Amino acid sequence: MADHLRKSNEDLDKFLKERPNQRELVDRNILKDPKIAPALQHQAEELKRAKLETALAHKIENRPPASELIDHNILHASHVAPALQGKEAELKRSQLEDMLNTKIQERPAPETLVEKHILEGQVV
């Protein structure tokens, strides 16, 4: 029994040493800001929320149209569902790679270009 009690005291001491301080608890939204009176904390939270809502509404009202975002390459013009746009981009890239590889394979050898007087000099 004494060992169990001693173990519990050690565990409690360890827990108390490792517990977060008040500032950490406020930062993690576990405690309210101690600088504000408890009676005013709810009003402060509501004011903070209203300020955030107003700022977000202002940003939404003033956001650029989709056409401008497309012009600046922020959005991509697509007629595909948003969930499939990533796959569409991968497919386009893959098709472009295939086309470029085909063009590279079909290009004439440097010797042929020298013979046709497109390139000058000797081919090494």
C-alpha atoms as a PDB file:
ATOM      1  CA  MET A   1       0.000   0.000   0.000  1.00  0.00           C
ATOM      2  CA  ALA A   2       2.832   2.400   0.870  1.00  0.00           C
ATOM      3  CA  ASP A   3       4.540   1.660  -2.462  1.00  0.00           C
ATOM      4  CA  HIS A   4       1.314   2.389  -4.326  1.00  0.00           C
ATOM      5  CA  LEU A   5       0.893   5.704  -2.475  1.00  0.00           C
ATOM      6  CA  ARG A   6       4.520   6.685  -3.125  1.00  0.00           C
ATOM      7  CA  LYS A   7       4.127   5.804  -6.824  1.00  0.00           C
ATOM      8  CA  SER A   8       0.964   7.921  -7.036  1.00  0.00           C
ATOM      9  CA  ASN A   9       2.766  10.887  -5.424  1.00  0.00           C
ATOM     10  CA  GLU A  10       5.658  10.549  -7.889  1.00  0.00           C
ATOM     11  CA  ASP A  11       3.229  10.407 -10.809  1.00  0.00           C
ATOM     12  CA  LEU A  12       1.396  13.461  -9.506  1.00  0.00           C
ATOM     13  CA  ASP A  13       4.662  15.378  -9.049  1.00  0.00           C
ATOM     14  CA  LYS A  14       5.723  14.470 -12.579  1.00  0.00           C
ATOM     15  CA  PHE A  15       2.346  15.543 -13.974  1.00  0.00           C
ATOM     16  CA  LEU A  16       2.455  18.883 -12.133  1.00  0.00           C
ATOM     17  CA  LYS A  17       5.980  19.604 -13.398  1.00  0.00           C
ATOM     18  CA  GLU A  18       4.991  18.857 -17.015  1.00  0.00           C
ATOM     19  CA  ARG A  19       1.641  20.629 -17.110  1.00  0.00           C
ATOM     20  CA  PRO A  20       1.434  23.590 -19.475  1.00  0.00           C
ATOM     21  CA  ASN A  21       1.550  27.091 -18.084  1.00  0.00           C
ATOM     22  CA  GLN A  22      -1.364  29.512 -18.261  1.00  0.00           C
ATOM     23  CA  ARG A  23      -0.082  31.257 -21.426  1.00  0.00           C
ATOM     24  CA  GLU A  24       0.107  27.934 -23.302  1.00  0.00           C
ATOM     25  CA  LEU A  25      -3.441  27.074 -22.248  1.00  0.00           C
ATOM     26  CA  VAL A  26      -4.685  30.460 -23.481  1.00  0.00           C
ATOM     27  CA  ASP A  27      -2.819  29.993 -26.772  1.00  0.00           C
ATOM     28  CA  ARG A  28      -4.465  26.577 -27.243  1.00  0.00           C
ATOM     29  CA  ASN A  29      -7.933  28.045 -26.448  1.00  0.00           C
ATOM     30  CA  ILE A  30      -8.345  25.937 -23.328  1.00  0.00           C
ATOM     31  CA  LEU A  31      -8.460  28.958 -21.023  1.00  0.00           C
ATOM     32  CA  LYS A  32      -9.831  32.406 -21.787  1.00  0.00           C
ATOM     33  CA  ASP A  33      -7.559  35.430 -21.729  1.00  0.00           C
ATOM     34  CA  PRO A  34      -6.950  36.286 -18.045  1.00  0.00           C
ATOM     35  CA  LYS A  35      -6.534  39.988 -18.904  1.00  0.00           C
ATOM     36  CA  ILE A  36     -10.267  40.238 -19.632  1.00  0.00           C
ATOM     37  CA  ALA A  37     -12.796  40.116 -16.798  1.00  0.00           C
ATOM     38  CA  PRO A  38     -14.811  36.873 -16.854  1.00  0.00           C
ATOM     39  CA  ALA A  39     -18.047  38.846 -17.185  1.00  0.00           C
ATOM     40  CA  LEU A  40     -16.730  40.436 -20.405  1.00  0.00           C
ATOM     41  CA  GLN A  41     -15.059  37.380 -21.949  1.00  0.00           C
ATOM     42  CA  HIS A  42     -18.195  36.266 -23.796  1.00  0.00           C
ATOM     43  CA  GLN A  43     -18.699  39.746 -25.277  1.00  0.00           C
ATOM     44  CA  ALA A  44     -15.032  39.895 -26.270  1.00  0.00           C
ATOM     45  CA  GLU A  45     -15.371  36.553 -28.080  1.00  0.00           C
ATOM     46  CA  GLU A  46     -18.521  37.741 -29.872  1.00  0.00           C
ATOM     47  CA  LEU A  47     -16.799  40.977 -30.902  1.00  0.00           C
ATOM     48  CA  LYS A  48     -13.791  39.036 -32.181  1.00  0.00           C
ATOM     49  CA  ARG A  49     -16.075  36.704 -34.178  1.00  0.00           C
ATOM     50  CA  ALA A  50     -18.063  39.631 -35.637  1.00  0.00           C
ATOM     51  CA  LYS A  51     -14.828  41.374 -36.655  1.00  0.00           C
ATOM     52  CA  LEU A  52     -13.623  38.216 -38.402  1.00  0.00           C
ATOM     53  CA  GLU A  53     -16.971  37.765 -40.179  1.00  0.00           C
ATOM     54  CA  THR A  54     -16.868  41.364 -41.400  1.00  0.00           C
ATOM     55  CA  ALA A  55     -13.315  41.000 -42.665  1.00  0.00           C
ATOM     56  CA  LEU A  56     -14.160  37.766 -44.495  1.00  0.00           C
ATOM     57  CA  ALA A  57     -17.302  39.257 -46.024  1.00  0.00           C
ATOM     58  CA  HIS A  58     -15.256  42.231 -47.243  1.00  0.00           C
ATOM     59  CA  LYS A  59     -12.654  39.935 -48.805  1.00  0.00           C
ATOM     60  CA  ILE A  60     -15.333  37.842 -50.515  1.00  0.00           C
ATOM     61  CA  GLU A  61     -17.033  40.945 -51.910  1.00  0.00           C
ATOM     62  CA  ASN A  62     -13.745  42.264 -53.276  1.00  0.00           C
ATOM     63  CA  ARG A  63     -12.278  39.047 -54.641  1.00  0.00           C
ATOM     64  CA  PRO A  64     -11.351  39.107 -58.308  1.00  0.00           C
ATOM     65  CA  PRO A  65     -13.594  37.381 -60.842  1.00  0.00           C
ATOM     66  CA  ALA A  66     -12.697  33.894 -62.038  1.00  0.00           C
ATOM     67  CA  SER A  67     -11.727  35.211 -65.481  1.00  0.00           C
ATOM     68  CA  GLU A  68      -9.030  37.408 -63.920  1.00  0.00           C
ATOM     69  CA  LEU A  69      -7.711  34.465 -61.887  1.00  0.00           C
ATOM     70  CA  ILE A  70      -7.591  32.370 -65.059  1.00  0.00           C
ATOM     71  CA  ASP A  71      -5.706  35.172 -66.857  1.00  0.00           C
ATOM     72  CA  HIS A  72      -3.117  35.190 -64.053  1.00  0.00           C
ATOM     73  CA  ASN A  73      -2.810  31.359 -64.097  1.00  0.00           C
ATOM     74  CA  ILE A  74      -4.151  31.057 -60.566  1.00  0.00           C
ATOM     75  CA  LEU A  75      -7.170  29.081 -61.751  1.00  0.00           C
ATOM     76  CA  HIS A  76      -7.252  26.839 -64.781  1.00  0.00           C
ATOM     77  CA  ALA A  77     -10.050  27.023 -67.317  1.00  0.00           C
ATOM     78  CA  SER A  78     -11.702  23.636 -67.168  1.00  0.00           C
ATOM     79  CA  HIS A  79     -15.079  22.111 -67.832  1.00  0.00           C
ATOM     80  CA  VAL A  80     -14.342  19.165 -65.557  1.00  0.00           C
ATOM     81  CA  ALA A  81     -15.613  18.702 -62.017  1.00  0.00           C
ATOM     82  CA  PRO A  82     -13.193  20.125 -59.409  1.00  0.00           C
ATOM     83  CA  ALA A  83     -12.548  16.654 -58.001  1.00  0.00           C
ATOM     84  CA  LEU A  84     -11.250  15.550 -61.418  1.00  0.00           C
ATOM     85  CA  GLN A  85      -9.201  18.624 -62.330  1.00  0.00           C
ATOM     86  CA  GLY A  86      -5.994  17.178 -60.866  1.00  0.00           C
ATOM     87  CA  LYS A  87      -6.345  14.045 -62.964  1.00  0.00           C
ATOM     88  CA  GLU A  88      -7.125  16.206 -66.015  1.00  0.00           C
ATOM     89  CA  ALA A  89      -3.880  18.157 -65.490  1.00  0.00           C
ATOM     90  CA  GLU A  90      -1.923  14.891 -65.131  1.00  0.00           C
ATOM     91  CA  LEU A  91      -3.472  13.568 -68.345  1.00  0.00           C
ATOM     92  CA  LYS A  92      -2.616  16.760 -70.263  1.00  0.00           C
ATOM     93  CA  ARG A  93       0.957  16.621 -69.006  1.00  0.00           C
ATOM     94  CA  SER A  94       1.261  12.968 -69.937  1.00  0.00           C
ATOM     95  CA  GLN A  95      -0.110  13.655 -73.426  1.00  0.00           C
ATOM     96  CA  LEU A  96       2.358  16.527 -73.871  1.00  0.00           C
ATOM     97  CA  GLU A  97       5.259  14.295 -72.768  1.00  0.00           C
ATOM     98  CA  ASP A  98       4.188  11.598 -75.226  1.00  0.00           C
ATOM     99  CA  MET A  99       3.919  14.124 -78.058  1.00  0.00           C
ATOM    100  CA  LEU A 100       7.353  15.600 -77.302  1.00  0.00           C
ATOM    101  CA  ASN A 101       8.942  12.141 -77.093  1.00  0.00           C
ATOM    102  CA  THR A 102       7.414  11.242 -80.469  1.00  0.00           C
ATOM    103  CA  LYS A 103       8.713  14.465 -82.028  1.00  0.00           C
ATOM    104  CA  ILE A 104      12.199  13.835 -80.610  1.00  0.00           C
ATOM    105  CA  GLN A 105      12.224  10.270 -81.951  1.00  0.00           C
ATOM    106  CA  GLU A 106      11.085  11.437 -85.398  1.00  0.00           C
ATOM    107  CA  ARG A 107      13.546  14.279 -85.764  1.00  0.00           C
ATOM    108  CA  PRO A 108      16.212  13.805 -88.426  1.00  0.00           C
ATOM    109  CA  ALA A 109      19.753  12.811 -87.540  1.00  0.00           C
ATOM    110  CA  PRO A 110      22.390  15.569 -87.573  1.00  0.00           C
ATOM    111  CA  GLU A 111      24.070  13.942 -90.612  1.00  0.00           C
ATOM    112  CA  THR A 112      20.850  14.312 -92.606  1.00  0.00           C
ATOM    113  CA  LEU A 113      20.606  17.983 -91.665  1.00  0.00           C
ATOM    114  CA  VAL A 114      24.195  18.579 -92.809  1.00  0.00           C
ATOM    115  CA  GLU A 115      23.477  16.801 -96.107  1.00  0.00           C
ATOM    116  CA  LYS A 116      20.417  19.016 -96.659  1.00  0.00           C
ATOM    117  CA  HIS A 117      22.530  22.108 -95.811  1.00  0.00           C
ATOM    118  CA  ILE A 118      20.383  22.954 -92.810  1.00  0.00           C
ATOM    119  CA  LEU A 119      23.321  22.565 -90.443  1.00  0.00           C
ATOM    120  CA  GLU A 120      26.854  23.616 -91.297  1.00  0.00           C
ATOM    121  CA  GLY A 121      30.024  21.752 -90.581  1.00  0.00           C
ATOM    122  CA  GLN A 122      30.889  18.205 -89.817  1.00  0.00           C
ATOM    123  CA  VAL A 123      28.954  16.004 -87.460  1.00  0.00           C
ATOM    124  CA  VAL A 124      31.023  14.633 -84.627  1.00  0.00           C
END
